[in-house]
Amino acid sequence: MVLRKILYYAAIQTIRKNGIMCEYYAHLIRRGMKRIMALVAIARKLLRIIYAVVRDDSEYKADYGLLKRKVIKKAA
């Protein structure tokens, strides 16, 4: 229960003031998702990011998705 609250409050902070998940949150809202459901989706995404960082023993890279897309475009 405590972890859920921590992730929820972290999700709120990441969407405030153009945080790292602000665009994704806006996208979910535009798709018609309720605000509370969008926050839970953000919290789940944060959990997956945290798990991947711990699993791979690496540092968090905010632009990882952009770097991955550039490599795919160069390979094609």
PDB file of N, CA and C in Angstrom:
ATOM      1  N   MET A   1       0.822  -1.191   0.000  1.00  0.00           N
ATOM      2  CA  MET A   1       0.000   0.000   0.000  1.00  0.00           C
ATOM      3  C   MET A   1       0.869   1.259   0.000  1.00  0.00           C
ATOM      4  N   VAL A   2       1.977   1.216   0.708  1.00  0.00           N
ATOM      5  CA  VAL A   2       2.859   2.377   0.771  1.00  0.00           C
ATOM      6  C   VAL A   2       3.517   2.610  -0.585  1.00  0.00           C
ATOM      7  N   LEU A   3       3.935   1.540  -1.242  1.00  0.00           N
ATOM      8  CA  LEU A   3       4.567   1.679  -2.560  1.00  0.00           C
ATOM      9  C   LEU A   3       3.598   2.293  -3.561  1.00  0.00           C
ATOM     10  N   ARG A   4       2.343   1.912  -3.480  1.00  0.00           N
ATOM     11  CA  ARG A   4       1.334   2.466  -4.378  1.00  0.00           C
ATOM     12  C   ARG A   4       1.215   3.974  -4.194  1.00  0.00           C
ATOM     13  N   LYS A   5       1.196   4.421  -2.944  1.00  0.00           N
ATOM     14  CA  LYS A   5       1.107   5.859  -2.676  1.00  0.00           C
ATOM     15  C   LYS A   5       2.337   6.592  -3.178  1.00  0.00           C
ATOM     16  N   ILE A   6       3.499   6.001  -2.952  1.00  0.00           N
ATOM     17  CA  ILE A   6       4.739   6.627  -3.407  1.00  0.00           C
ATOM     18  C   ILE A   6       4.740   6.784  -4.925  1.00  0.00           C
ATOM     19  N   LEU A   7       4.348   5.738  -5.630  1.00  0.00           N
ATOM     20  CA  LEU A   7       4.315   5.802  -7.096  1.00  0.00           C
ATOM     21  C   LEU A   7       3.267   6.804  -7.584  1.00  0.00           C
ATOM     22  N   TYR A   8       2.125   6.851  -6.904  1.00  0.00           N
ATOM     23  CA  TYR A   8       1.075   7.790  -7.287  1.00  0.00           C
ATOM     24  C   TYR A   8       1.554   9.231  -7.128  1.00  0.00           C
ATOM     25  N   TYR A   9       2.170   9.545  -5.986  1.00  0.00           N
ATOM     26  CA  TYR A   9       2.664  10.904  -5.767  1.00  0.00           C
ATOM     27  C   TYR A   9       3.829  11.228  -6.702  1.00  0.00           C
ATOM     28  N   ALA A  10       4.637  10.239  -7.015  1.00  0.00           N
ATOM     29  CA  ALA A  10       5.720  10.454  -7.989  1.00  0.00           C
ATOM     30  C   ALA A  10       5.134  10.757  -9.364  1.00  0.00           C
ATOM     31  N   ALA A  11       4.040  10.078  -9.720  1.00  0.00           N
ATOM     32  CA  ALA A  11       3.381  10.334 -11.005  1.00  0.00           C
ATOM     33  C   ALA A  11       2.850  11.759 -11.062  1.00  0.00           C
ATOM     34  N   ILE A  12       2.276  12.218  -9.966  1.00  0.00           N
ATOM     35  CA  ILE A  12       1.775  13.598  -9.921  1.00  0.00           C
ATOM     36  C   ILE A  12       2.921  14.580 -10.153  1.00  0.00           C
ATOM     37  N   GLN A  13       4.056  14.338  -9.530  1.00  0.00           N
ATOM     38  CA  GLN A  13       5.191  15.248  -9.667  1.00  0.00           C
ATOM     39  C   GLN A  13       5.789  15.218 -11.073  1.00  0.00           C
ATOM     40  N   THR A  14       5.754  14.067 -11.736  1.00  0.00           N
ATOM     41  CA  THR A  14       6.368  13.990 -13.074  1.00  0.00           C
ATOM     42  C   THR A  14       5.525  14.671 -14.142  1.00  0.00           C
ATOM     43  N   ILE A  15       4.238  14.912 -13.871  1.00  0.00           N
ATOM     44  CA  ILE A  15       3.420  15.594 -14.876  1.00  0.00           C
ATOM     45  C   ILE A  15       3.314  17.088 -14.612  1.00  0.00           C
ATOM     46  N   ARG A  16       3.748  17.540 -13.458  1.00  0.00           N
ATOM     47  CA  ARG A  16       3.673  18.968 -13.138  1.00  0.00           C
ATOM     48  C   ARG A  16       4.806  19.736 -13.804  1.00  0.00           C
ATOM     49  N   LYS A  17       4.485  20.936 -14.213  1.00  0.00           N
ATOM     50  CA  LYS A  17       5.480  21.880 -14.750  1.00  0.00           C
ATOM     51  C   LYS A  17       6.351  21.258 -15.832  1.00  0.00           C
ATOM     52  N   ASN A  18       5.718  20.632 -16.814  1.00  0.00           N
ATOM     53  CA  ASN A  18       6.413  20.020 -17.953  1.00  0.00           C
ATOM     54  C   ASN A  18       7.460  19.009 -17.513  1.00  0.00           C
ATOM     55  N   GLY A  19       7.083  18.135 -16.617  1.00  0.00           N
ATOM     56  CA  GLY A  19       7.973  17.065 -16.170  1.00  0.00           C
ATOM     57  C   GLY A  19       8.200  16.063 -17.282  1.00  0.00           C
ATOM     58  N   ILE A  20       8.910  14.996 -16.974  1.00  0.00           N
ATOM     59  CA  ILE A  20       9.290  14.037 -18.007  1.00  0.00           C
ATOM     60  C   ILE A  20       8.106  13.262 -18.574  1.00  0.00           C
ATOM     61  N   MET A  21       6.993  13.206 -17.860  1.00  0.00           N
ATOM     62  CA  MET A  21       5.823  12.466 -18.338  1.00  0.00           C
ATOM     63  C   MET A  21       4.665  13.377 -18.731  1.00  0.00           C
ATOM     64  N   CYS A  22       4.895  14.660 -18.830  1.00  0.00           N
ATOM     65  CA  CYS A  22       3.830  15.616 -19.107  1.00  0.00           C
ATOM     66  C   CYS A  22       3.184  15.367 -20.480  1.00  0.00           C
ATOM     67  N   GLU A  23       3.987  15.140 -21.486  1.00  0.00           N
ATOM     68  CA  GLU A  23       3.454  14.896 -22.832  1.00  0.00           C
ATOM     69  C   GLU A  23       2.662  13.599 -22.891  1.00  0.00           C
ATOM     70  N   TYR A  24       3.169  12.567 -22.249  1.00  0.00           N
ATOM     71  CA  TYR A  24       2.481  11.275 -22.243  1.00  0.00           C
ATOM     72  C   TYR A  24       1.141  11.392 -21.509  1.00  0.00           C
ATOM     73  N   TYR A  25       1.105  12.130 -20.411  1.00  0.00           N
ATOM     74  CA  TYR A  25      -0.124  12.358 -19.653  1.00  0.00           C
ATOM     75  C   TYR A  25      -1.144  13.096 -20.524  1.00  0.00           C
ATOM     76  N   ALA A  26      -0.704  14.138 -21.204  1.00  0.00           N
ATOM     77  CA  ALA A  26      -1.602  14.897 -22.088  1.00  0.00           C
ATOM     78  C   ALA A  26      -2.135  14.006 -23.206  1.00  0.00           C
ATOM     79  N   HIS A  27      -1.291  13.133 -23.721  1.00  0.00           N
ATOM     80  CA  HIS A  27      -1.710  12.195 -24.770  1.00  0.00           C
ATOM     81  C   HIS A  27      -2.813  11.268 -24.258  1.00  0.00           C
ATOM     82  N   LEU A  28      -2.644  10.757 -23.053  1.00  0.00           N
ATOM     83  CA  LEU A  28      -3.656   9.868 -22.476  1.00  0.00           C
ATOM     84  C   LEU A  28      -4.974  10.596 -22.253  1.00  0.00           C
ATOM     85  N   ILE A  29      -4.906  11.832 -21.806  1.00  0.00           N
ATOM     86  CA  ILE A  29      -6.119  12.630 -21.589  1.00  0.00           C
ATOM     87  C   ILE A  29      -6.819  12.898 -22.924  1.00  0.00           C
ATOM     88  N   ARG A  30      -6.055  13.224 -23.967  1.00  0.00           N
ATOM     89  CA  ARG A  30      -6.640  13.471 -25.290  1.00  0.00           C
ATOM     90  C   ARG A  30      -7.323  12.226 -25.841  1.00  0.00           C
ATOM     91  N   ARG A  31      -6.794  11.062 -25.508  1.00  0.00           N
ATOM     92  CA  ARG A  31      -7.400   9.807 -25.967  1.00  0.00           C
ATOM     93  C   ARG A  31      -8.690   9.484 -25.234  1.00  0.00           C
ATOM     94  N   GLY A  32      -9.039  10.296 -24.231  1.00  0.00           N
ATOM     95  CA  GLY A  32     -10.298  10.110 -23.533  1.00  0.00           C
ATOM     96  C   GLY A  32     -10.186   9.393 -22.204  1.00  0.00           C
ATOM     97  N   MET A  33      -8.982   9.178 -21.731  1.00  0.00           N
ATOM     98  CA  MET A  33      -8.799   8.508 -20.447  1.00  0.00           C
ATOM     99  C   MET A  33      -9.092   9.499 -19.322  1.00  0.00           C
ATOM    100  N   LYS A  34      -9.705   9.011 -18.255  1.00  0.00           N
ATOM    101  CA  LYS A  34      -9.963   9.867 -17.101  1.00  0.00           C
ATOM    102  C   LYS A  34      -8.637  10.234 -16.448  1.00  0.00           C
ATOM    103  N   ARG A  35      -8.623  11.370 -15.787  1.00  0.00           N
ATOM    104  CA  ARG A  35      -7.380  11.884 -15.202  1.00  0.00           C
ATOM    105  C   ARG A  35      -6.784  10.930 -14.174  1.00  0.00           C
ATOM    106  N   ILE A  36      -7.615  10.358 -13.336  1.00  0.00           N
ATOM    107  CA  ILE A  36      -7.102   9.451 -12.307  1.00  0.00           C
ATOM    108  C   ILE A  36      -6.523   8.187 -12.946  1.00  0.00           C
ATOM    109  N   MET A  37      -7.157   7.695 -14.001  1.00  0.00           N
ATOM    110  CA  MET A  37      -6.646   6.518 -14.708  1.00  0.00           C
ATOM    111  C   MET A  37      -5.336   6.833 -15.410  1.00  0.00           C
ATOM    112  N   ALA A  38      -5.228   8.047 -15.929  1.00  0.00           N
ATOM    113  CA  ALA A  38      -3.983   8.457 -16.580  1.00  0.00           C
ATOM    114  C   ALA A  38      -2.848   8.536 -15.560  1.00  0.00           C
ATOM    115  N   LEU A  39      -3.151   9.023 -14.356  1.00  0.00           N
ATOM    116  CA  LEU A  39      -2.128   9.072 -13.315  1.00  0.00           C
ATOM    117  C   LEU A  39      -1.668   7.675 -12.920  1.00  0.00           C
ATOM    118  N   VAL A  40      -2.604   6.739 -12.849  1.00  0.00           N
ATOM    119  CA  VAL A  40      -2.245   5.360 -12.521  1.00  0.00           C
ATOM    120  C   VAL A  40      -1.390   4.758 -13.646  1.00  0.00           C
ATOM    121  N   ALA A  41      -1.705   5.094 -14.887  1.00  0.00           N
ATOM    122  CA  ALA A  41      -0.896   4.622 -16.020  1.00  0.00           C
ATOM    123  C   ALA A  41       0.522   5.180 -15.947  1.00  0.00           C
ATOM    124  N   ILE A  42       0.644   6.446 -15.554  1.00  0.00           N
ATOM    125  CA  ILE A  42       1.961   7.066 -15.388  1.00  0.00           C
ATOM    126  C   ILE A  42       2.726   6.376 -14.261  1.00  0.00           C
ATOM    127  N   ALA A  43       2.025   6.086 -13.154  1.00  0.00           N
ATOM    128  CA  ALA A  43       2.667   5.406 -12.018  1.00  0.00           C
ATOM    129  C   ALA A  43       3.173   4.034 -12.440  1.00  0.00           C
ATOM    130  N   ARG A  44       2.377   3.320 -13.229  1.00  0.00           N
ATOM    131  CA  ARG A  44       2.796   2.004 -13.710  1.00  0.00           C
ATOM    132  C   ARG A  44       4.012   2.119 -14.632  1.00  0.00           C
ATOM    133  N   LYS A  45       4.005   3.137 -15.481  1.00  0.00           N
ATOM    134  CA  LYS A  45       5.150   3.352 -16.372  1.00  0.00           C
ATOM    135  C   LYS A  45       6.415   3.664 -15.562  1.00  0.00           C
ATOM    136  N   LEU A  46       6.271   4.466 -14.514  1.00  0.00           N
ATOM    137  CA  LEU A  46       7.409   4.760 -13.645  1.00  0.00           C
ATOM    138  C   LEU A  46       7.936   3.482 -12.992  1.00  0.00           C
ATOM    139  N   LEU A  47       7.032   2.620 -12.556  1.00  0.00           N
ATOM    140  CA  LEU A  47       7.443   1.361 -11.949  1.00  0.00           C
ATOM    141  C   LEU A  47       8.235   0.507 -12.937  1.00  0.00           C
ATOM    142  N   ARG A  48       7.782   0.454 -14.187  1.00  0.00           N
ATOM    143  CA  ARG A  48       8.508  -0.318 -15.207  1.00  0.00           C
ATOM    144  C   ARG A  48       9.881   0.270 -15.469  1.00  0.00           C
ATOM    145  N   ILE A  49       9.987   1.599 -15.472  1.00  0.00           N
ATOM    146  CA  ILE A  49      11.287   2.252 -15.675  1.00  0.00           C
ATOM    147  C   ILE A  49      12.220   1.932 -14.520  1.00  0.00           C
ATOM    148  N   ILE A  50      11.700   2.038 -13.295  1.00  0.00           N
ATOM    149  CA  ILE A  50      12.516   1.744 -12.114  1.00  0.00           C
ATOM    150  C   ILE A  50      12.993   0.296 -12.142  1.00  0.00           C
ATOM    151  N   TYR A  51      12.098  -0.622 -12.489  1.00  0.00           N
ATOM    152  CA  TYR A  51      12.465  -2.035 -12.545  1.00  0.00           C
ATOM    153  C   TYR A  51      13.569  -2.275 -13.581  1.00  0.00           C
ATOM    154  N   ALA A  52      13.440  -1.658 -14.755  1.00  0.00           N
ATOM    155  CA  ALA A  52      14.439  -1.844 -15.808  1.00  0.00           C
ATOM    156  C   ALA A  52      15.795  -1.297 -15.398  1.00  0.00           C
ATOM    157  N   VAL A  53      15.807  -0.161 -14.727  1.00  0.00           N
ATOM    158  CA  VAL A  53      17.069   0.438 -14.276  1.00  0.00           C
ATOM    159  C   VAL A  53      17.749  -0.466 -13.252  1.00  0.00           C
ATOM    160  N   VAL A  54      16.952  -0.996 -12.311  1.00  0.00           N
ATOM    161  CA  VAL A  54      17.516  -1.882 -11.289  1.00  0.00           C
ATOM    162  C   VAL A  54      17.964  -3.207 -11.903  1.00  0.00           C
ATOM    163  N   ARG A  55      17.141  -3.767 -12.786  1.00  0.00           N
ATOM    164  CA  ARG A  55      17.451  -5.045 -13.420  1.00  0.00           C
ATOM    165  C   ARG A  55      18.740  -4.982 -14.235  1.00  0.00           C
ATOM    166  N   ASP A  56      18.911  -3.906 -14.991  1.00  0.00           N
ATOM    167  CA  ASP A  56      20.069  -3.771 -15.866  1.00  0.00           C
ATOM    168  C   ASP A  56      21.256  -3.112 -15.173  1.00  0.00           C
ATOM    169  N   ASP A  57      21.053  -2.675 -13.945  1.00  0.00           N
ATOM    170  CA  ASP A  57      22.096  -1.994 -13.180  1.00  0.00           C
ATOM    171  C   ASP A  57      22.686  -0.843 -14.000  1.00  0.00           C
ATOM    172  N   SER A  58      21.795   0.026 -14.483  1.00  0.00           N
ATOM    173  CA  SER A  58      22.211   1.135 -15.329  1.00  0.00           C
ATOM    174  C   SER A  58      21.641   2.443 -14.794  1.00  0.00           C
ATOM    175  N   GLU A  59      21.993   3.529 -15.458  1.00  0.00           N
ATOM    176  CA  GLU A  59      21.478   4.841 -15.095  1.00  0.00           C
ATOM    177  C   GLU A  59      20.262   5.157 -15.948  1.00  0.00           C
ATOM    178  N   TYR A  60      19.397   6.006 -15.425  1.00  0.00           N
ATOM    179  CA  TYR A  60      18.209   6.421 -16.166  1.00  0.00           C
ATOM    180  C   TYR A  60      18.595   7.425 -17.241  1.00  0.00           C
ATOM    181  N   LYS A  61      18.092   7.204 -18.451  1.00  0.00           N
ATOM    182  CA  LYS A  61      18.324   8.123 -19.561  1.00  0.00           C
ATOM    183  C   LYS A  61      16.976   8.620 -20.041  1.00  0.00           C
ATOM    184  N   ALA A  62      16.707   9.906 -19.854  1.00  0.00           N
ATOM    185  CA  ALA A  62      15.405  10.477 -20.203  1.00  0.00           C
ATOM    186  C   ALA A  62      15.134  10.411 -21.704  1.00  0.00           C
ATOM    187  N   ASP A  63      16.173  10.471 -22.515  1.00  0.00           N
ATOM    188  CA  ASP A  63      15.996  10.475 -23.966  1.00  0.00           C
ATOM    189  C   ASP A  63      16.277   9.107 -24.598  1.00  0.00           C
ATOM    190  N   TYR A  64      16.125   8.045 -23.847  1.00  0.00           N
ATOM    191  CA  TYR A  64      16.424   6.702 -24.346  1.00  0.00           C
ATOM    192  C   TYR A  64      15.569   6.345 -25.555  1.00  0.00           C
ATOM    193  N   GLY A  65      14.284   6.658 -25.509  1.00  0.00           N
ATOM    194  CA  GLY A  65      13.398   6.356 -26.624  1.00  0.00           C
ATOM    195  C   GLY A  65      13.801   7.080 -27.890  1.00  0.00           C
ATOM    196  N   LEU A  66      14.228   8.322 -27.763  1.00  0.00           N
ATOM    197  CA  LEU A  66      14.664   9.087 -28.932  1.00  0.00           C
ATOM    198  C   LEU A  66      15.938   8.501 -29.526  1.00  0.00           C
ATOM    199  N   LEU A  67      16.870   8.105 -28.669  1.00  0.00           N
ATOM    200  CA  LEU A  67      18.115   7.506 -29.147  1.00  0.00           C
ATOM    201  C   LEU A  67      17.833   6.191 -29.869  1.00  0.00           C
ATOM    202  N   LYS A  68      16.931   5.405 -29.334  1.00  0.00           N
ATOM    203  CA  LYS A  68      16.586   4.110 -29.934  1.00  0.00           C
ATOM    204  C   LYS A  68      15.969   4.302 -31.323  1.00  0.00           C
ATOM    205  N   ARG A  69      15.084   5.309 -31.454  1.00  0.00           N
ATOM    206  CA  ARG A  69      14.454   5.568 -32.756  1.00  0.00           C
ATOM    207  C   ARG A  69      15.474   6.019 -33.791  1.00  0.00           C
ATOM    208  N   LYS A  70      16.457   6.830 -33.381  1.00  0.00           N
ATOM    209  CA  LYS A  70      17.483   7.302 -34.311  1.00  0.00           C
ATOM    210  C   LYS A  70      18.325   6.141 -34.827  1.00  0.00           C
ATOM    211  N   VAL A  71      18.656   5.203 -33.962  1.00  0.00           N
ATOM    212  CA  VAL A  71      19.443   4.040 -34.375  1.00  0.00           C
ATOM    213  C   VAL A  71      18.660   3.193 -35.356  1.00  0.00           C
ATOM    214  N   ILE A  72      17.372   3.025 -35.117  1.00  0.00           N
ATOM    215  CA  ILE A  72      16.534   2.230 -36.029  1.00  0.00           C
ATOM    216  C   ILE A  72      16.449   2.906 -37.384  1.00  0.00           C
ATOM    217  N   LYS A  73      16.287   4.236 -37.406  1.00  0.00           N
ATOM    218  CA  LYS A  73      16.199   4.951 -38.674  1.00  0.00           C
ATOM    219  C   LYS A  73      17.502   4.856 -39.456  1.00  0.00           C
ATOM    220  N   LYS A  74      18.651   4.926 -38.762  1.00  0.00           N
ATOM    221  CA  LYS A  74      19.934   4.827 -39.448  1.00  0.00           C
ATOM    222  C   LYS A  74      20.132   3.425 -40.012  1.00  0.00           C
ATOM    223  N   ALA A  75      19.642   2.404 -39.318  1.00  0.00           N
ATOM    224  CA  ALA A  75      19.813   1.024 -39.776  1.00  0.00           C
ATOM    225  C   ALA A  75      18.953   0.742 -40.990  1.00  0.00           C
ATOM    226  N   ALA A  76      17.840   1.438 -41.121  1.00  0.00           N
ATOM    227  CA  ALA A  76      16.919   1.169 -42.232  1.00  0.00           C
ATOM    228  C   ALA A  76      17.350   1.809 -43.485  1.00  0.00           C
TER     229      ALA A  76
END
